[in-house]
Amino acid sequence: MKQKEVKVKNVVFSNTRPLVYIAGPCVIETPKSYEAEAIKLKAMFAALRTPFVLKASFDKANRTSHSSFRGIGMETALDFLKDLKNRLNVPLLVDVHDPAQAARVAEVADILQIPAFMCRQTDLLFACADTGRAVNVKKGQFLSPWEAENIVRKLESRGAAGIMLTERGSSFGYGNLVVDMRALEIMKDFGCPVIFDCTHSVQRPGGLGTATGGDRRFVVPLAKAAAALKIAGVFFEAHPNPDKALSDGPNSLRLDGVPAVIRTLNSIDKLAARL
């Protein structure tokens, strides 16, 4: 099938073009800390002349425990993000958990992202498509790659402006995930850009009892394997001190280690483009 491109401001997602990165902390812990992290990420990608989309989450609605930190809330976050995006001049991706949130989030975000647990929720898919924004859908841990075609067709039926699919691992027994690299090739056959989420793919869901664990050491090896398959982009979460992060610390990259990872993946991507 002909490969489509998704254009978001000055960034083009395509399985046949250089990698685009979607990056940021798991959740906005405070506006001050998030702004500092966003500024550092922009500088890192600018220095490497690599396209970058900033990701943001104002609410982690799928936390393991009710007592876990969820975020700063939608309205507080969106007012802050609108100002920050304009000052930094970067494309912005924001998670949407409920159909009622879609139109409001689309006033600020350039890409709406549907979390993995929500990927089959038709009303949520339709609401995001109806905004006219690009939509990135995380393939659920419970879903086979060929079933993800139904997600694409649902969004197409509502005239979605741009559709992307993200692989983030599949359930493997209890409290573990495994990445089937065939899924990236299968989903490319649907014609839309495919992203690999290298940090959520190493999670251990519920592995800490009241929180999700993870194996950070496998983030880069899996990202290397995905880049070798010539995909559209890589998604990852980074934090200045992952061990102190309020969400998904065990599977987040250290912020100061990001440039080395990007240089490695860009080199593999360039090689893959010639094969």
Protein backbone atom coordinates (compact mmCIF):
# COMPACT_ATOMS: atom_id res chain seq x y z
CA MET A 1 0.00 0.00 0.00
CA LYS A 2 1.17 3.53 -0.76
CA GLN A 3 2.77 5.12 2.29
CA LYS A 4 1.06 8.30 3.46
CA GLU A 5 2.77 11.22 5.16
CA VAL A 6 1.53 13.18 8.14
CA LYS A 7 2.63 16.81 8.18
CA VAL A 8 2.55 18.69 11.47
CA LYS A 9 3.85 22.23 11.18
CA ASN A 10 7.48 21.85 10.00
CA VAL A 11 7.66 18.12 10.81
CA VAL A 12 6.84 15.28 8.40
CA PHE A 13 6.15 11.77 9.65
CA SER A 14 6.75 9.13 6.98
CA ASN A 15 8.03 5.56 6.92
CA THR A 16 10.31 6.58 4.05
CA ARG A 17 11.75 9.79 5.55
CA PRO A 18 14.25 10.41 8.38
CA LEU A 19 13.14 9.62 11.90
CA VAL A 20 11.03 12.11 13.84
CA TYR A 21 11.13 11.98 17.63
CA ILE A 22 8.26 12.47 20.05
CA ALA A 23 9.68 13.11 23.50
CA GLY A 24 9.00 14.57 26.93
CA PRO A 25 8.42 13.55 30.53
CA CYS A 26 5.66 11.06 31.30
CA VAL A 27 3.47 13.66 32.98
CA ILE A 28 3.57 17.36 33.79
CA GLU A 29 4.72 17.21 37.40
CA THR A 30 4.80 20.99 37.76
CA PRO A 31 4.72 23.70 35.08
CA LYS A 32 8.18 24.88 36.16
CA SER A 33 9.82 21.45 35.93
CA TYR A 34 8.10 20.62 32.64
CA GLU A 35 9.17 23.91 31.04
CA ALA A 36 12.77 23.31 32.06
CA GLU A 37 12.69 19.82 30.55
CA ALA A 38 11.04 21.05 27.34
CA ILE A 39 13.66 23.76 26.87
CA LYS A 40 16.48 21.24 27.29
CA LEU A 41 14.89 18.79 24.86
CA LYS A 42 14.41 21.47 22.22
CA ALA A 43 18.05 22.51 22.55
CA MET A 44 19.24 18.91 22.26
CA PHE A 45 17.27 18.21 19.09
CA ALA A 46 18.18 21.58 17.58
CA ALA A 47 21.87 20.86 18.12
CA LEU A 48 21.43 17.52 16.33
CA ARG A 49 19.30 19.09 13.56
CA THR A 50 16.69 16.43 14.17
CA PRO A 51 12.90 16.94 13.96
CA PHE A 52 11.14 16.79 17.30
CA VAL A 53 7.61 16.92 18.72
CA LEU A 54 7.11 17.72 22.40
CA LYS A 55 4.74 15.38 24.23
CA ALA A 56 2.64 16.35 27.23
CA SER A 57 0.22 14.61 29.57
CA PHE A 58 -1.99 16.52 31.97
CA ASP A 59 -3.64 13.42 33.44
CA LYS A 60 -2.44 9.83 33.68
CA ALA A 61 -5.88 8.27 34.00
CA ASN A 62 -4.55 4.68 33.88
CA ARG A 63 -2.30 4.73 36.94
CA THR A 64 -2.05 1.43 38.83
CA SER A 65 -3.15 2.91 42.17
CA HIS A 66 -5.73 5.56 43.02
CA SER A 67 -3.16 7.17 45.30
CA SER A 68 -0.60 7.72 42.52
CA PHE A 69 0.08 11.18 41.12
CA ARG A 70 -2.06 11.76 38.01
CA GLY A 71 -1.18 15.25 36.81
CA ILE A 72 -2.06 18.92 37.13
CA GLY A 73 -5.43 18.78 35.36
CA MET A 74 -6.59 19.71 31.87
CA GLU A 75 -7.40 23.41 32.11
CA THR A 76 -4.32 24.33 34.12
CA ALA A 77 -2.13 22.34 31.74
CA LEU A 78 -3.63 23.63 28.49
CA ASP A 79 -3.36 27.28 29.45
CA PHE A 80 0.28 26.72 30.36
CA LEU A 81 1.05 24.58 27.29
CA LYS A 82 -0.43 27.09 24.86
CA ASP A 83 1.93 29.76 26.12
CA LEU A 84 4.92 27.41 26.27
CA LYS A 85 4.37 26.05 22.76
CA ASN A 86 4.21 29.55 21.33
CA ARG A 87 7.39 30.61 23.11
CA LEU A 88 9.35 27.50 22.13
CA ASN A 89 7.83 27.23 18.64
CA VAL A 90 7.62 23.42 18.74
CA PRO A 91 4.84 21.05 17.63
CA LEU A 92 2.93 19.59 20.57
CA LEU A 93 1.32 16.18 21.20
CA VAL A 94 -1.16 15.76 24.07
CA ASP A 95 -2.95 12.69 25.43
CA VAL A 96 -6.75 12.56 25.30
CA HIS A 97 -8.68 10.13 27.50
CA ASP A 98 -12.29 11.16 26.97
CA PRO A 99 -14.31 12.25 23.92
CA ALA A 100 -15.34 15.42 25.76
CA GLN A 101 -11.69 16.48 26.02
CA ALA A 102 -10.85 16.26 22.32
CA ALA A 103 -12.08 19.62 21.02
CA ARG A 104 -10.59 21.53 23.97
CA VAL A 105 -7.20 19.80 23.68
CA ALA A 106 -7.18 20.41 19.92
CA GLU A 107 -7.19 24.16 20.59
CA VAL A 108 -3.63 23.76 21.88
CA ALA A 109 -2.19 20.47 20.58
CA ASP A 110 -1.03 19.75 17.05
CA ILE A 111 -1.38 15.98 17.55
CA LEU A 112 -3.93 14.22 19.72
CA GLN A 113 -2.72 10.95 21.21
CA ILE A 114 -4.99 8.10 22.24
CA PRO A 115 -3.52 5.95 25.05
CA ALA A 116 -3.09 2.21 24.49
CA PHE A 117 -5.85 1.17 26.87
CA MET A 118 -8.28 3.41 24.96
CA CYS A 119 -7.35 2.45 21.39
CA ARG A 120 -10.60 0.60 20.62
CA GLN A 121 -12.92 3.28 22.01
CA THR A 122 -14.81 4.28 18.89
CA ASP A 123 -16.33 7.46 20.33
CA LEU A 124 -12.88 8.65 21.43
CA LEU A 125 -11.40 7.92 18.00
CA PHE A 126 -14.24 9.75 16.28
CA ALA A 127 -14.01 12.76 18.60
CA CYS A 128 -10.29 13.11 17.95
CA ALA A 129 -10.72 12.70 14.18
CA ASP A 130 -13.46 15.33 14.14
CA THR A 131 -11.09 18.00 15.48
CA GLY A 132 -9.10 18.05 12.24
CA ARG A 133 -5.86 17.43 14.12
CA ALA A 134 -3.46 14.58 13.43
CA VAL A 135 -4.12 11.55 15.63
CA ASN A 136 -1.52 9.17 17.04
CA VAL A 137 -2.94 5.95 18.47
CA LYS A 138 -0.96 3.71 20.79
CA LYS A 139 -1.71 0.10 19.87
CA GLY A 140 -3.09 -1.62 22.95
CA GLN A 141 -0.99 -4.21 24.75
CA PHE A 142 -3.91 -6.59 24.23
CA LEU A 143 -4.22 -6.02 20.47
CA SER A 144 -2.58 -7.87 17.60
CA PRO A 145 -0.93 -5.69 14.95
CA TRP A 146 -3.33 -6.79 12.21
CA GLU A 147 -6.30 -5.74 14.39
CA ALA A 148 -4.86 -2.22 14.43
CA GLU A 149 -6.10 -1.81 10.86
CA ASN A 150 -9.60 -1.40 12.31
CA ILE A 151 -8.33 1.66 14.21
CA VAL A 152 -7.09 3.20 10.98
CA ARG A 153 -10.33 2.52 9.16
CA LYS A 154 -12.41 4.03 11.97
CA LEU A 155 -10.38 7.23 11.84
CA GLU A 156 -10.49 7.31 8.04
CA SER A 157 -14.28 6.99 8.14
CA ARG A 158 -14.38 10.34 9.96
CA GLY A 159 -11.90 12.02 7.65
CA ALA A 160 -9.00 12.19 10.10
CA ALA A 161 -6.40 14.71 8.94
CA GLY A 162 -3.45 12.44 9.67
CA ILE A 163 -3.21 9.01 11.25
CA MET A 164 -0.26 7.41 13.00
CA LEU A 165 0.06 4.11 14.85
CA THR A 166 2.46 3.48 17.72
CA GLU A 167 3.78 0.12 18.83
CA ARG A 168 4.40 -0.09 22.58
CA GLY A 169 4.74 -3.80 23.33
CA SER A 170 2.28 -6.64 23.91
CA SER A 171 1.16 -8.37 27.09
CA PHE A 172 3.31 -11.39 27.89
CA GLY A 173 1.92 -13.29 30.83
CA TYR A 174 1.37 -11.27 33.99
CA GLY A 175 3.27 -8.05 34.59
CA ASN A 176 5.45 -8.16 31.50
CA LEU A 177 5.56 -6.97 27.90
CA VAL A 178 7.33 -8.26 24.82
CA VAL A 179 7.93 -6.48 21.51
CA ASP A 180 7.20 -8.37 18.31
CA MET A 181 9.15 -6.42 15.69
CA ARG A 182 6.95 -7.97 12.99
CA ALA A 183 4.20 -5.64 14.25
CA LEU A 184 6.02 -2.61 12.81
CA GLU A 185 6.12 -4.15 9.35
CA ILE A 186 2.52 -5.31 9.56
CA MET A 187 1.25 -1.89 10.58
CA LYS A 188 3.24 -0.17 7.84
CA ASP A 189 1.11 -2.17 5.40
CA PHE A 190 -1.90 -0.06 6.46
CA GLY A 191 -0.27 2.93 4.76
CA CYS A 192 0.19 5.24 7.76
CA PRO A 193 3.34 6.33 9.60
CA VAL A 194 4.42 3.91 12.31
CA ILE A 195 6.07 5.02 15.55
CA PHE A 196 7.94 2.90 18.08
CA ASP A 197 7.50 3.75 21.75
CA CYS A 198 10.76 2.46 23.16
CA THR A 199 10.15 3.42 26.80
CA HIS A 200 6.64 2.09 27.41
CA SER A 201 7.65 -1.11 25.64
CA VAL A 202 9.95 -2.03 28.53
CA GLN A 203 7.34 -1.54 31.25
CA ARG A 204 6.42 -4.18 33.79
CA PRO A 205 2.73 -3.34 34.33
CA GLY A 206 1.91 -3.35 38.03
CA GLY A 207 5.38 -4.73 38.65
CA LEU A 208 5.91 -2.67 41.80
CA GLY A 209 2.59 -3.67 43.34
CA THR A 210 0.98 -0.24 43.43
CA ALA A 211 2.94 1.13 40.48
CA THR A 212 4.33 0.03 37.14
CA GLY A 213 7.93 -1.09 36.99
CA GLY A 214 10.25 -1.34 34.02
CA ASP A 215 13.61 -2.40 32.60
CA ARG A 216 15.30 0.79 31.41
CA ARG A 217 18.38 -1.08 30.17
CA PHE A 218 16.37 -2.48 27.24
CA VAL A 219 15.10 0.87 25.93
CA VAL A 220 18.01 1.56 23.60
CA PRO A 221 18.46 -2.01 22.28
CA LEU A 222 14.78 -2.15 21.28
CA ALA A 223 14.91 1.32 19.75
CA LYS A 224 17.93 0.27 17.67
CA ALA A 225 16.05 -2.75 16.37
CA ALA A 226 13.01 -0.63 15.47
CA ALA A 227 15.10 2.03 13.71
CA ALA A 228 16.68 -0.66 11.57
CA LEU A 229 13.23 -1.43 10.12
CA LYS A 230 12.85 2.11 8.69
CA ILE A 231 9.87 3.52 10.54
CA ALA A 232 8.53 7.07 10.80
CA GLY A 233 9.49 7.92 14.34
CA VAL A 234 10.50 7.01 17.86
CA PHE A 235 8.56 7.98 20.97
CA PHE A 236 10.25 8.11 24.35
CA GLU A 237 9.87 9.61 27.79
CA ALA A 238 12.78 11.26 29.58
CA HIS A 239 13.26 12.76 33.02
CA PRO A 240 16.16 14.56 34.73
CA ASN A 241 16.08 12.00 37.53
CA PRO A 242 14.01 8.96 36.55
CA ASP A 243 14.33 7.37 39.98
CA LYS A 244 12.48 10.37 41.43
CA ALA A 245 9.88 10.70 38.67
CA LEU A 246 6.24 10.76 39.76
CA SER A 247 5.19 8.46 36.91
CA ASP A 248 6.95 5.80 34.79
CA GLY A 249 10.40 6.49 36.19
CA PRO A 250 11.66 2.88 35.86
CA ASN A 251 11.25 2.95 32.08
CA SER A 252 12.20 6.58 31.36
CA LEU A 253 15.49 7.67 29.85
CA ARG A 254 17.77 10.03 31.74
CA LEU A 255 17.40 13.45 30.15
CA ASP A 256 21.15 14.04 29.94
CA GLY A 257 21.57 10.77 28.03
CA VAL A 258 19.16 11.69 25.23
CA PRO A 259 21.68 13.17 22.72
CA ALA A 260 23.76 9.99 22.62
CA VAL A 261 20.64 7.90 22.00
CA ILE A 262 19.47 10.18 19.19
CA ARG A 263 22.85 10.13 17.46
CA THR A 264 22.86 6.32 17.54
CA LEU A 265 19.31 5.95 16.23
CA ASN A 266 19.86 8.55 13.50
CA SER A 267 22.90 6.61 12.29
CA ILE A 268 20.91 3.38 12.12
CA ASP A 269 18.03 5.14 10.36
CA LYS A 270 20.36 6.51 7.68
CA LEU A 271 21.81 3.07 7.09
CA ALA A 272 18.33 1.51 6.92
CA ALA A 273 17.30 4.05 4.29
CA ARG A 274 20.06 2.80 1.99
CA LEU A 275 19.20 -0.88 2.30
